[in-house]
N, C-alpha and C. Protein backbone atom coordinates (compact mmCIF):
# COMPACT_ATOMS: atom_id res chain seq x y z
N MET A 1 114.18 171.25 127.66
CA MET A 1 113.81 170.12 128.99
C MET A 1 112.79 171.26 129.60
N SER A 2 111.83 170.57 129.83
CA SER A 2 110.73 171.40 130.56
C SER A 2 110.85 171.52 132.12
N VAL A 3 110.51 172.28 132.84
CA VAL A 3 110.52 172.50 134.05
C VAL A 3 110.09 171.27 135.02
N GLN A 4 109.06 170.61 134.77
CA GLN A 4 108.77 169.41 135.23
C GLN A 4 109.69 168.22 134.97
N SER A 5 110.36 168.37 133.88
CA SER A 5 111.47 167.14 133.63
C SER A 5 112.74 167.50 134.51
N GLU A 6 112.90 168.68 134.64
CA GLU A 6 114.30 169.03 135.53
C GLU A 6 113.90 168.68 136.81
N LYS A 7 112.68 168.88 137.37
CA LYS A 7 112.56 168.61 138.60
C LYS A 7 112.69 167.06 138.94
N GLU A 8 112.06 166.30 138.05
CA GLU A 8 112.02 164.67 138.12
C GLU A 8 113.67 164.18 138.25
N VAL A 9 114.35 164.95 137.25
CA VAL A 9 115.79 164.43 137.36
C VAL A 9 116.40 164.82 138.68
N ARG A 10 116.19 165.93 139.18
CA ARG A 10 116.71 166.47 140.40
C ARG A 10 116.49 165.33 141.37
N ILE A 11 115.19 164.82 141.65
CA ILE A 11 114.76 163.95 142.54
C ILE A 11 115.49 162.76 142.36
N MET A 12 115.49 162.24 141.02
CA MET A 12 116.28 160.88 140.66
C MET A 12 117.96 160.85 141.25
N VAL A 13 118.37 161.97 141.13
CA VAL A 13 119.77 161.97 141.43
C VAL A 13 120.34 162.74 142.59
N LYS A 14 119.25 162.93 143.58
CA LYS A 14 119.54 163.75 144.75
C LYS A 14 120.61 163.07 145.75
N ASN A 15 120.99 161.88 145.61
CA ASN A 15 122.12 161.25 146.32
C ASN A 15 123.22 161.36 145.72
N ALA A 16 123.45 161.64 144.56
CA ALA A 16 124.61 161.77 143.66
C ALA A 16 125.08 163.17 143.58
N LYS A 17 126.41 163.51 143.83
CA LYS A 17 126.95 164.68 143.62
C LYS A 17 127.25 165.06 142.14
N THR A 18 127.79 164.01 141.38
CA THR A 18 128.23 164.24 140.14
C THR A 18 127.46 163.18 139.14
N ILE A 19 127.48 163.32 138.00
CA ILE A 19 127.09 162.45 136.89
C ILE A 19 127.75 161.05 137.02
N ASP A 20 129.05 161.28 137.04
CA ASP A 20 129.64 159.93 137.31
C ASP A 20 129.39 159.33 138.48
N GLU A 21 129.16 159.88 139.68
CA GLU A 21 128.68 159.29 140.91
C GLU A 21 127.36 158.43 140.58
N TYR A 22 126.41 159.26 140.01
CA TYR A 22 125.33 158.74 139.55
C TYR A 22 125.33 157.44 138.83
N LYS A 23 126.17 157.52 137.64
CA LYS A 23 126.32 156.28 136.86
C LYS A 23 126.75 155.16 137.77
N LYS A 24 127.86 155.37 138.58
CA LYS A 24 128.13 154.31 139.51
C LYS A 24 127.04 153.69 140.44
N MET A 25 126.38 154.53 141.00
CA MET A 25 125.18 154.15 141.78
C MET A 25 124.13 153.35 140.88
N LYS A 26 123.84 153.94 139.84
CA LYS A 26 122.77 153.16 139.01
C LYS A 26 123.47 151.80 138.72
N LYS A 27 124.74 151.42 138.35
CA LYS A 27 125.33 150.21 138.00
C LYS A 27 125.30 149.44 139.20
N VAL A 28 125.63 150.00 140.51
CA VAL A 28 125.54 148.93 141.54
C VAL A 28 124.21 148.50 141.98
N GLU A 29 123.20 149.52 141.80
CA GLU A 29 121.78 149.34 142.20
C GLU A 29 121.26 148.28 141.02
N ASP A 30 121.61 148.31 139.70
CA ASP A 30 121.26 147.37 138.92
C ASP A 30 121.64 145.93 139.19
N TRP A 31 123.04 145.94 139.53
CA TRP A 31 123.62 144.44 139.70
C TRP A 31 123.04 143.81 141.13
N ILE A 32 122.73 144.81 142.11
CA ILE A 32 122.19 144.35 143.38
C ILE A 32 120.83 143.58 143.12
N ASN A 33 120.20 144.50 142.25
CA ASN A 33 118.75 144.02 141.98
C ASN A 33 118.72 142.73 141.23
N LYS A 34 119.65 142.37 140.61
CA LYS A 34 119.73 141.20 139.84
C LYS A 34 120.21 140.04 140.56
N ASN A 35 121.06 140.41 141.71
CA ASN A 35 121.57 139.20 142.51
C ASN A 35 121.15 138.96 143.79
N PHE A 36 120.34 140.04 144.54
CA PHE A 36 119.94 139.83 145.76
C PHE A 36 118.37 140.02 145.88
N VAL A 37 117.83 139.73 146.95
CA VAL A 37 116.55 139.95 147.34
C VAL A 37 116.57 141.37 147.79
N GLU A 38 115.21 141.86 147.23
CA GLU A 38 114.98 143.68 147.66
C GLU A 38 115.30 143.62 149.09
N ASN A 39 115.92 144.76 149.44
CA ASN A 39 116.00 145.25 150.79
C ASN A 39 117.11 144.40 151.66
N SER A 40 117.67 143.49 151.26
CA SER A 40 118.65 142.50 151.68
C SER A 40 119.99 142.92 151.94
N VAL A 41 120.48 143.69 151.32
CA VAL A 41 121.78 144.50 151.30
C VAL A 41 121.94 146.03 151.30
N LYS A 42 123.08 146.54 151.75
CA LYS A 42 123.33 147.84 151.46
C LYS A 42 124.58 147.95 150.95
N TYR A 43 124.76 149.34 150.37
CA TYR A 43 126.33 149.41 149.59
C TYR A 43 126.98 150.66 149.98
N GLU A 44 128.16 150.67 149.85
CA GLU A 44 128.96 151.85 149.81
C GLU A 44 129.91 152.02 148.86
N ILE A 45 130.04 153.04 147.98
CA ILE A 45 130.94 153.03 146.83
C ILE A 45 132.04 153.72 147.18
N ASP A 46 133.31 153.39 147.28
CA ASP A 46 134.60 153.96 147.39
C ASP A 46 135.55 154.05 146.32
N GLY A 47 135.46 155.10 145.41
CA GLY A 47 136.35 155.06 144.13
C GLY A 47 135.68 153.90 143.31
N ASP A 48 136.47 153.26 142.84
CA ASP A 48 136.12 152.03 141.84
C ASP A 48 135.74 150.77 142.48
N THR A 49 135.67 150.77 143.87
CA THR A 49 135.19 149.72 144.52
C THR A 49 133.86 149.90 145.24
N VAL A 50 132.89 148.69 145.55
CA VAL A 50 131.88 148.89 146.27
C VAL A 50 131.74 147.85 147.25
N LYS A 51 131.49 148.17 148.75
CA LYS A 51 131.23 147.39 149.64
C LYS A 51 129.80 147.04 149.91
N ILE A 52 129.49 145.76 149.68
CA ILE A 52 128.10 145.33 149.78
C ILE A 52 127.84 144.41 151.27
N THR A 53 127.03 144.97 151.92
CA THR A 53 126.96 144.31 153.39
C THR A 53 125.24 143.86 153.52
N ASP A 54 125.24 142.57 153.80
CA ASP A 54 123.88 142.07 153.93
C ASP A 54 123.38 142.33 155.37
N ASN A 55 122.19 141.76 155.51
CA ASN A 55 121.45 142.19 156.99
C ASN A 55 122.08 141.44 158.08
N THR A 56 122.99 140.31 157.81
CA THR A 56 123.58 139.79 159.10
C THR A 56 124.84 140.54 159.40
N GLY A 57 125.23 141.37 158.60
CA GLY A 57 126.53 142.05 158.76
C GLY A 57 127.85 141.64 158.00
N ASP A 58 127.47 140.49 157.27
CA ASP A 58 128.59 139.87 156.50
C ASP A 58 128.80 140.96 155.19
N SER A 59 130.01 140.91 154.70
CA SER A 59 130.22 141.93 153.62
C SER A 59 131.34 141.43 152.54
N MET A 60 131.20 142.09 151.31
CA MET A 60 132.17 141.58 150.29
C MET A 60 132.53 142.94 149.63
N ILE A 61 133.62 142.91 149.22
CA ILE A 61 134.07 144.29 148.41
C ILE A 61 134.31 143.70 146.78
N LEU A 62 133.77 144.41 145.97
CA LEU A 62 133.76 144.20 144.48
C LEU A 62 134.64 145.31 143.66
N ALA A 63 135.02 145.07 142.77
CA ALA A 63 135.48 146.21 141.90
C ALA A 63 134.37 146.52 140.87
N LEU A 64 134.14 147.72 140.68
CA LEU A 64 132.74 148.22 139.95
C LEU A 64 132.99 147.64 138.41
N LYS A 65 134.30 147.54 137.90
CA LYS A 65 134.46 146.73 136.53
C LYS A 65 133.83 145.45 136.46
N ASP A 66 133.81 144.73 137.85
CA ASP A 66 133.38 143.22 137.63
C ASP A 66 131.82 143.06 137.93
N MET A 67 131.22 144.14 137.89
CA MET A 67 129.73 144.13 137.96
C MET A 67 129.16 144.18 136.78
N GLU A 68 129.06 143.33 135.84
CA GLU A 68 128.50 143.19 134.65
C GLU A 68 127.22 142.52 134.47
């Protein structure tokens, strides 16, 4: 892997502490992008669940395994 490639990877995963955490974040973000308008929700991952909150403050909790 070149130095440039390593730098790009670090930037892409800067919010994740582990590879597993990155995979969870990627799965959630892909699911949100398919189901919500851009920038309309925020999310928090807690173990194997994710809390999604919209701009009005309403939220829902989903199991990561259900985000297919």
